[in-house]
């Protein structure tokens, strides 16, 4: 059975620079099941779509700081 794709939108606060945003974006994009991942440093918004679990995204962001 295939897990349906989901779209998530998170607010990510505390980033110091665009490099922080790129690190988080790359780290989340590497999770299994992620189809798209975009993080805007300016708006502090992380958009993720795919079959990845929401908790896995949150945990990865925490791991990345």
N, C-alpha and C. Protein backbone atom coordinates (compact mmCIF):
# COMPACT_ATOMS: atom_id res chain seq x y z
N UNK A 1 0.84 -1.17 0.00
CA UNK A 1 0.00 0.00 0.00
C UNK A 1 0.90 1.24 0.00
N UNK A 2 0.58 2.22 -0.83
CA UNK A 2 1.35 3.44 -0.96
C UNK A 2 0.81 4.50 -0.01
N UNK A 3 1.72 5.18 0.68
CA UNK A 3 1.34 6.28 1.56
C UNK A 3 1.06 7.51 0.70
N UNK A 4 -0.07 8.18 0.93
CA UNK A 4 -0.37 9.37 0.13
C UNK A 4 0.60 10.50 0.46
N UNK A 5 0.87 11.31 -0.55
CA UNK A 5 1.76 12.46 -0.35
C UNK A 5 1.04 13.53 0.47
N UNK A 6 1.82 14.23 1.28
CA UNK A 6 1.31 15.31 2.10
C UNK A 6 2.12 16.57 1.85
N UNK A 7 1.52 17.71 2.14
CA UNK A 7 2.20 19.00 2.07
C UNK A 7 2.24 19.58 3.47
N UNK A 8 3.42 20.02 3.88
CA UNK A 8 3.60 20.59 5.21
C UNK A 8 4.17 22.00 5.10
N UNK A 9 3.79 22.86 6.03
CA UNK A 9 4.33 24.20 6.12
C UNK A 9 4.72 24.45 7.58
N UNK A 10 5.98 24.77 7.79
CA UNK A 10 6.51 25.01 9.13
C UNK A 10 7.09 26.41 9.21
N UNK A 11 7.07 26.99 10.39
CA UNK A 11 7.78 28.23 10.67
C UNK A 11 9.07 27.85 11.38
N UNK A 12 10.20 28.31 10.84
CA UNK A 12 11.51 28.00 11.40
C UNK A 12 12.11 29.31 11.91
N UNK A 13 12.20 29.45 13.20
CA UNK A 13 12.76 30.66 13.80
C UNK A 13 14.18 30.41 14.30
N UNK A 14 14.94 31.49 14.41
CA UNK A 14 16.26 31.40 15.00
C UNK A 14 17.40 31.21 14.01
N UNK A 15 17.13 31.28 12.71
CA UNK A 15 18.20 31.15 11.74
C UNK A 15 18.99 32.46 11.71
N UNK A 16 20.32 32.36 11.73
CA UNK A 16 21.18 33.54 11.75
C UNK A 16 21.54 34.05 10.35
N UNK A 17 21.51 33.15 9.36
CA UNK A 17 21.95 33.56 8.03
C UNK A 17 21.37 32.62 6.98
N UNK A 18 21.59 32.99 5.73
CA UNK A 18 21.13 32.16 4.63
C UNK A 18 21.80 30.79 4.61
N UNK A 19 23.02 30.72 5.11
CA UNK A 19 23.72 29.43 5.19
C UNK A 19 23.01 28.46 6.12
N UNK A 20 22.47 28.99 7.21
CA UNK A 20 21.68 28.15 8.13
C UNK A 20 20.47 27.57 7.41
N UNK A 21 19.81 28.41 6.65
CA UNK A 21 18.63 27.98 5.90
C UNK A 21 18.99 26.90 4.90
N UNK A 22 20.11 27.06 4.19
CA UNK A 22 20.55 26.06 3.21
C UNK A 22 20.86 24.73 3.89
N UNK A 23 21.50 24.77 5.06
CA UNK A 23 21.83 23.54 5.78
C UNK A 23 20.56 22.78 6.18
N UNK A 24 19.59 23.51 6.68
CA UNK A 24 18.33 22.88 7.07
C UNK A 24 17.61 22.32 5.85
N UNK A 25 17.56 23.11 4.79
CA UNK A 25 16.88 22.67 3.57
C UNK A 25 17.52 21.40 3.01
N UNK A 26 18.83 21.37 2.95
CA UNK A 26 19.53 20.18 2.44
C UNK A 26 19.31 18.97 3.34
N UNK A 27 19.37 19.20 4.64
CA UNK A 27 19.19 18.09 5.59
C UNK A 27 17.81 17.48 5.52
N UNK A 28 16.80 18.32 5.42
CA UNK A 28 15.42 17.82 5.33
C UNK A 28 15.21 17.14 3.98
N UNK A 29 15.79 17.70 2.92
CA UNK A 29 15.61 17.13 1.58
C UNK A 29 16.16 15.71 1.49
N UNK A 30 17.12 15.36 2.34
CA UNK A 30 17.73 14.03 2.32
C UNK A 30 16.87 12.96 3.00
N UNK A 31 15.83 13.37 3.70
CA UNK A 31 14.96 12.39 4.35
C UNK A 31 14.25 11.56 3.29
N UNK A 32 14.09 10.29 3.57
CA UNK A 32 13.35 9.42 2.66
C UNK A 32 11.90 9.86 2.53
N UNK A 33 11.42 9.92 1.31
CA UNK A 33 10.04 10.28 1.07
C UNK A 33 9.81 11.75 0.75
N UNK A 34 10.86 12.58 0.88
CA UNK A 34 10.71 14.00 0.57
C UNK A 34 10.74 14.19 -0.95
N UNK A 35 9.70 14.82 -1.48
CA UNK A 35 9.67 15.12 -2.91
C UNK A 35 10.17 16.53 -3.18
N UNK A 36 9.71 17.50 -2.41
CA UNK A 36 10.19 18.87 -2.53
C UNK A 36 10.43 19.44 -1.15
N UNK A 37 11.40 20.35 -1.08
CA UNK A 37 11.73 20.99 0.19
C UNK A 37 12.26 22.38 -0.14
N UNK A 38 11.60 23.40 0.39
CA UNK A 38 12.02 24.78 0.16
C UNK A 38 11.95 25.54 1.47
N UNK A 39 13.05 26.22 1.82
CA UNK A 39 13.09 27.02 3.04
C UNK A 39 13.47 28.45 2.67
N UNK A 40 12.65 29.40 3.05
CA UNK A 40 12.92 30.81 2.82
C UNK A 40 13.46 31.42 4.11
N UNK A 41 14.69 31.91 4.05
CA UNK A 41 15.29 32.58 5.19
C UNK A 41 14.50 33.85 5.53
N UNK A 42 14.07 34.58 4.52
CA UNK A 42 13.38 35.85 4.72
C UNK A 42 12.03 35.69 5.42
N UNK A 43 11.26 34.66 5.03
CA UNK A 43 9.93 34.48 5.60
C UNK A 43 9.89 33.46 6.73
N UNK A 44 11.01 32.75 6.93
CA UNK A 44 11.12 31.70 7.94
C UNK A 44 10.13 30.56 7.71
N UNK A 45 9.83 30.28 6.45
CA UNK A 45 8.86 29.24 6.11
C UNK A 45 9.55 28.06 5.42
N UNK A 46 9.25 26.87 5.93
CA UNK A 46 9.74 25.62 5.34
C UNK A 46 8.55 24.88 4.75
N UNK A 47 8.61 24.63 3.46
CA UNK A 47 7.56 23.85 2.78
C UNK A 47 8.15 22.51 2.37
N UNK A 48 7.46 21.45 2.74
CA UNK A 48 7.91 20.09 2.41
C UNK A 48 6.72 19.32 1.87
N UNK A 49 6.94 18.59 0.80
CA UNK A 49 5.91 17.70 0.29
C UNK A 49 6.51 16.32 0.05
N UNK A 50 5.66 15.32 0.15
CA UNK A 50 6.10 13.95 -0.06
C UNK A 50 5.41 13.00 0.90
N UNK A 51 5.97 11.82 0.99
CA UNK A 51 5.38 10.78 1.84
C UNK A 51 6.09 10.68 3.18
N UNK A 52 6.94 11.63 3.47
CA UNK A 52 7.68 11.67 4.73
C UNK A 52 6.73 12.03 5.87
N UNK A 53 6.99 11.49 7.05
CA UNK A 53 6.17 11.78 8.22
C UNK A 53 6.52 13.15 8.80
N UNK A 54 5.53 13.86 9.26
CA UNK A 54 5.72 15.18 9.85
C UNK A 54 6.72 15.14 11.01
N UNK A 55 6.62 14.13 11.85
CA UNK A 55 7.53 14.00 12.99
C UNK A 55 8.98 13.84 12.55
N UNK A 56 9.20 13.17 11.44
CA UNK A 56 10.56 12.99 10.93
C UNK A 56 11.15 14.33 10.50
N UNK A 57 10.34 15.18 9.91
CA UNK A 57 10.80 16.52 9.50
C UNK A 57 11.17 17.34 10.73
N UNK A 58 10.29 17.34 11.71
CA UNK A 58 10.53 18.12 12.93
C UNK A 58 11.80 17.64 13.62
N UNK A 59 11.97 16.35 13.72
CA UNK A 59 13.17 15.79 14.37
C UNK A 59 14.43 16.17 13.61
N UNK A 60 14.40 16.12 12.29
CA UNK A 60 15.58 16.49 11.50
C UNK A 60 15.95 17.95 11.70
N UNK A 61 14.96 18.83 11.71
CA UNK A 61 15.23 20.25 11.93
C UNK A 61 15.87 20.45 13.31
N UNK A 62 15.37 19.77 14.30
CA UNK A 62 15.97 19.87 15.65
C UNK A 62 17.41 19.38 15.66
N UNK A 63 17.67 18.29 14.96
CA UNK A 63 19.03 17.75 14.88
C UNK A 63 19.99 18.74 14.22
N UNK A 64 19.48 19.46 13.22
CA UNK A 64 20.31 20.39 12.46
C UNK A 64 20.49 21.73 13.18
N UNK A 65 19.74 21.95 14.23
CA UNK A 65 19.90 23.16 15.02
C UNK A 65 18.97 24.23 14.59
